Structure formats: C-alpha cells, structure tokens
Amino acid sequence: MNRKLGAAVFMMVACTFGPMAAAAQEDSEGEATIDVTGTGETSTHECKPGSTVEITGASNNVTLTGECKSVTVNGSGNVVKVEATRAIDVTGASNSVTWKRVIGKSKPKVSHTGMGNKIAQAK
C-alpha cells in the first residue's frame, strides 16, 4: 500500500475511533508530514526543518515546536502556535495562528480563505 493511501486509511480509522489523532510519516527524501485531526483537543508536535503540518478539525489547541516547512489549518476555532515556518495556509472560520520567528530573512508566506481567521507574529 502506498504511503498516501495508508495515511488516508489511518485518518479515516482515527476519525472513527478517536477524538484526536496525530500521525507523522517520513517520505523518501527525509521530509516528515505531521497530520493532526480532532475536535477540542490539545497537543504539541516537534517539526524538523522539512516538516509539513496539516491540522484538520474544530476547537483544537496545537503547539508546533522547531522549524516547519509549512502549516495548513482546515476547520474552525483552532488555535495554533508555531515556533517557525515558511508558509501558513488557513481555510475555515475563526482560526488563530501565531508564529514566533522567521526562517531565513523573510516572514512566512500567508494564505487564508474564510471568515474571522487571524494570522500574526507572536509578540
């Protein structure tokens, strides 16, 4: 079974049997993918420099330490704290994403769709 199909099957099972699941996989180039799904949960995950993160759900509180290549948030009412990332993509409503520091010389590339989403550098 290929990795993407395996991840999709895992996510379907996790959504059925547990309120929150997180899966980390590493591809052939050594880049990790962190998938977080759930509702009303709190979790912390460590990014490596090539990590991509996908958060899907509602009312979750997720903290990402280390350097994440990209962070994608889908859903509503999620609160995400990111130490460092190159890109942030938010879809949904009333999500809050804060990031602490830049990677390299430029701020993260930010994209958002929906209403009431807040994306800002932490003070």
C-alpha atoms as a PDB file:
ATOM      1  CA  MET A   1       0.000   0.000   0.000  1.00  0.00           C
ATOM      2  CA  ASN A   2       1.496   3.375  -0.885  1.00  0.00           C
ATOM      3  CA  ARG A   3       2.096   5.971   1.839  1.00  0.00           C
ATOM      4  CA  LYS A   4      -0.634   8.405   0.812  1.00  0.00           C
ATOM      5  CA  LEU A   5      -3.285   5.673   0.690  1.00  0.00           C
ATOM      6  CA  GLY A   6      -2.013   4.319   4.008  1.00  0.00           C
ATOM      7  CA  ALA A   7      -2.254   7.787   5.559  1.00  0.00           C
ATOM      8  CA  ALA A   8      -5.780   8.245   4.202  1.00  0.00           C
ATOM      9  CA  VAL A   9      -6.882   4.892   5.656  1.00  0.00           C
ATOM     10  CA  PHE A  10      -5.276   5.771   9.001  1.00  0.00           C
ATOM     11  CA  MET A  11      -7.065   9.135   9.092  1.00  0.00           C
ATOM     12  CA  MET A  12     -10.448   7.538   8.350  1.00  0.00           C
ATOM     13  CA  VAL A  13      -9.944   4.966  11.110  1.00  0.00           C
ATOM     14  CA  ALA A  14      -8.658   7.612  13.535  1.00  0.00           C
ATOM     15  CA  CYS A  15     -11.658   9.848  12.901  1.00  0.00           C
ATOM     16  CA  THR A  16     -13.967   6.920  13.552  1.00  0.00           C
ATOM     17  CA  PHE A  17     -12.364   5.589  16.728  1.00  0.00           C
ATOM     18  CA  GLY A  18     -10.780   8.552  18.482  1.00  0.00           C
ATOM     19  CA  PRO A  19     -11.419  12.226  19.144  1.00  0.00           C
ATOM     20  CA  MET A  20      -7.917  13.257  18.040  1.00  0.00           C
ATOM     21  CA  ALA A  21      -5.173  11.565  16.153  1.00  0.00           C
ATOM     22  CA  ALA A  22      -1.747  12.625  15.042  1.00  0.00           C
ATOM     23  CA  ALA A  23       0.368  10.791  12.530  1.00  0.00           C
ATOM     24  CA  ALA A  24       3.906  11.518  11.499  1.00  0.00           C
ATOM     25  CA  GLN A  25       5.396   9.984   8.377  1.00  0.00           C
ATOM     26  CA  GLU A  26       8.684  10.476   6.623  1.00  0.00           C
ATOM     27  CA  ASP A  27       8.950  10.400   2.820  1.00  0.00           C
ATOM     28  CA  SER A  28      11.863   9.105   0.739  1.00  0.00           C
ATOM     29  CA  GLU A  29      13.645  12.498   0.924  1.00  0.00           C
ATOM     30  CA  GLY A  30      13.548  12.537   4.740  1.00  0.00           C
ATOM     31  CA  GLU A  31      10.814  15.167   5.000  1.00  0.00           C
ATOM     32  CA  ALA A  32       8.216  14.485   7.675  1.00  0.00           C
ATOM     33  CA  THR A  33       4.469  15.030   7.408  1.00  0.00           C
ATOM     34  CA  ILE A  34       2.523  15.651  10.599  1.00  0.00           C
ATOM     35  CA  ASP A  35      -1.257  15.184  10.317  1.00  0.00           C
ATOM     36  CA  VAL A  36      -3.443  16.253  13.231  1.00  0.00           C
ATOM     37  CA  THR A  37      -7.216  15.705  13.253  1.00  0.00           C
ATOM     38  CA  GLY A  38      -9.759  16.081  16.002  1.00  0.00           C
ATOM     39  CA  THR A  39     -12.134  18.225  17.996  1.00  0.00           C
ATOM     40  CA  GLY A  40     -11.485  20.028  21.275  1.00  0.00           C
ATOM     41  CA  GLU A  41      -8.057  18.552  21.933  1.00  0.00           C
ATOM     42  CA  THR A  42      -4.658  19.931  22.961  1.00  0.00           C
ATOM     43  CA  SER A  43      -1.360  18.613  21.561  1.00  0.00           C
ATOM     44  CA  THR A  44       2.287  19.534  20.933  1.00  0.00           C
ATOM     45  CA  HIS A  45       4.369  18.309  17.981  1.00  0.00           C
ATOM     46  CA  GLU A  46       8.017  18.790  17.042  1.00  0.00           C
ATOM     47  CA  CYS A  47       8.787  19.868  13.478  1.00  0.00           C
ATOM     48  CA  LYS A  48      12.035  19.107  11.728  1.00  0.00           C
ATOM     49  CA  PRO A  49      13.220  21.626   9.065  1.00  0.00           C
ATOM     50  CA  GLY A  50      11.422  19.825   6.190  1.00  0.00           C
ATOM     51  CA  SER A  51       8.198  19.017   8.065  1.00  0.00           C
ATOM     52  CA  THR A  52       4.807  19.815   6.596  1.00  0.00           C
ATOM     53  CA  VAL A  53       1.902  20.024   9.032  1.00  0.00           C
ATOM     54  CA  GLU A  54      -1.823  19.591   8.318  1.00  0.00           C
ATOM     55  CA  ILE A  55      -4.328  20.335  11.081  1.00  0.00           C
ATOM     56  CA  THR A  56      -7.977  19.489  10.457  1.00  0.00           C
ATOM     57  CA  GLY A  57     -10.819  19.851  12.935  1.00  0.00           C
ATOM     58  CA  ALA A  58     -12.506  22.241  15.321  1.00  0.00           C
ATOM     59  CA  SER A  59     -11.577  23.905  18.600  1.00  0.00           C
ATOM     60  CA  ASN A  60      -8.145  22.281  18.842  1.00  0.00           C
ATOM     61  CA  ASN A  61      -5.133  23.851  20.545  1.00  0.00           C
ATOM     62  CA  VAL A  62      -1.937  22.771  18.732  1.00  0.00           C
ATOM     63  CA  THR A  63       1.628  23.862  19.502  1.00  0.00           C
ATOM     64  CA  LEU A  64       4.366  23.248  16.916  1.00  0.00           C
ATOM     65  CA  THR A  65       7.976  23.468  18.065  1.00  0.00           C
ATOM     66  CA  GLY A  66      11.033  23.603  15.814  1.00  0.00           C
ATOM     67  CA  GLU A  67      11.045  24.665  12.157  1.00  0.00           C
ATOM     68  CA  CYS A  68       8.097  23.603   9.998  1.00  0.00           C
ATOM     69  CA  LYS A  69       8.314  23.873   6.209  1.00  0.00           C
ATOM     70  CA  SER A  70       4.574  24.655   6.016  1.00  0.00           C
ATOM     71  CA  VAL A  71       1.476  24.661   8.207  1.00  0.00           C
ATOM     72  CA  THR A  72      -2.051  24.103   6.853  1.00  0.00           C
ATOM     73  CA  VAL A  73      -5.120  24.591   9.068  1.00  0.00           C
ATOM     74  CA  ASN A  74      -8.611  23.473   7.982  1.00  0.00           C
ATOM     75  CA  GLY A  75     -11.687  23.858  10.161  1.00  0.00           C
ATOM     76  CA  SER A  76     -12.961  26.292  12.751  1.00  0.00           C
ATOM     77  CA  GLY A  77     -11.937  27.649  16.113  1.00  0.00           C
ATOM     78  CA  ASN A  78      -8.469  26.101  16.067  1.00  0.00           C
ATOM     79  CA  VAL A  79      -5.646  27.831  17.937  1.00  0.00           C
ATOM     80  CA  VAL A  80      -2.213  27.037  16.511  1.00  0.00           C
ATOM     81  CA  LYS A  81       1.121  28.287  17.867  1.00  0.00           C
ATOM     82  CA  VAL A  82       4.093  27.823  15.539  1.00  0.00           C
ATOM     83  CA  GLU A  83       7.708  28.394  16.518  1.00  0.00           C
ATOM     84  CA  ALA A  84       8.884  28.926  12.899  1.00  0.00           C
ATOM     85  CA  THR A  85       7.539  28.204   9.398  1.00  0.00           C
ATOM     86  CA  ARG A  86       7.959  29.244   5.768  1.00  0.00           C
ATOM     87  CA  ALA A  87       4.251  29.129   4.851  1.00  0.00           C
ATOM     88  CA  ILE A  88       0.850  29.250   6.566  1.00  0.00           C
ATOM     89  CA  ASP A  89      -2.413  28.323   4.796  1.00  0.00           C
ATOM     90  CA  VAL A  90      -5.699  28.633   6.685  1.00  0.00           C
ATOM     91  CA  THR A  91      -9.154  27.602   5.439  1.00  0.00           C
ATOM     92  CA  GLY A  92     -12.284  27.878   7.558  1.00  0.00           C
ATOM     93  CA  ALA A  93     -13.604  30.233  10.200  1.00  0.00           C
ATOM     94  CA  SER A  94     -12.328  31.765  13.436  1.00  0.00           C
ATOM     95  CA  ASN A  95      -8.940  30.036  13.399  1.00  0.00           C
ATOM     96  CA  SER A  96      -5.979  31.710  15.097  1.00  0.00           C
ATOM     97  CA  VAL A  97      -2.394  31.019  14.007  1.00  0.00           C
ATOM     98  CA  THR A  98       0.589  32.748  15.599  1.00  0.00           C
ATOM     99  CA  TRP A  99       4.227  32.262  14.676  1.00  0.00           C
ATOM    100  CA  LYS A 100       7.281  33.326  16.707  1.00  0.00           C
ATOM    101  CA  ARG A 101      10.216  33.717  14.332  1.00  0.00           C
ATOM    102  CA  VAL A 102      11.169  33.738  10.678  1.00  0.00           C
ATOM    103  CA  ILE A 103      13.171  31.101   8.847  1.00  0.00           C
ATOM    104  CA  GLY A 104      15.850  32.870   6.861  1.00  0.00           C
ATOM    105  CA  LYS A 105      15.235  36.523   6.094  1.00  0.00           C
ATOM    106  CA  SER A 106      11.557  36.699   5.191  1.00  0.00           C
ATOM    107  CA  LYS A 107       8.267  36.298   7.033  1.00  0.00           C
ATOM    108  CA  PRO A 108       6.125  33.252   6.230  1.00  0.00           C
ATOM    109  CA  LYS A 109       4.005  33.289   3.073  1.00  0.00           C
ATOM    110  CA  VAL A 110       0.403  33.552   4.332  1.00  0.00           C
ATOM    111  CA  SER A 111      -2.771  32.448   2.569  1.00  0.00           C
ATOM    112  CA  HIS A 112      -6.235  32.323   4.127  1.00  0.00           C
ATOM    113  CA  THR A 113      -9.777  31.644   2.985  1.00  0.00           C
ATOM    114  CA  GLY A 114     -12.835  32.031   5.175  1.00  0.00           C
ATOM    115  CA  MET A 115     -14.090  34.424   7.812  1.00  0.00           C
ATOM    116  CA  GLY A 116     -12.614  35.623  11.080  1.00  0.00           C
ATOM    117  CA  ASN A 117      -9.228  33.922  10.732  1.00  0.00           C
ATOM    118  CA  LYS A 118      -6.287  35.628  12.476  1.00  0.00           C
ATOM    119  CA  ILE A 119      -2.676  35.049  11.448  1.00  0.00           C
ATOM    120  CA  ALA A 120       0.064  37.070  13.135  1.00  0.00           C
ATOM    121  CA  GLN A 121       3.537  37.039  14.601  1.00  0.00           C
ATOM    122  CA  ALA A 122       3.514  36.394  18.357  1.00  0.00           C
ATOM    123  CA  LYS A 123       4.583  39.375  20.446  1.00  0.00           C
END
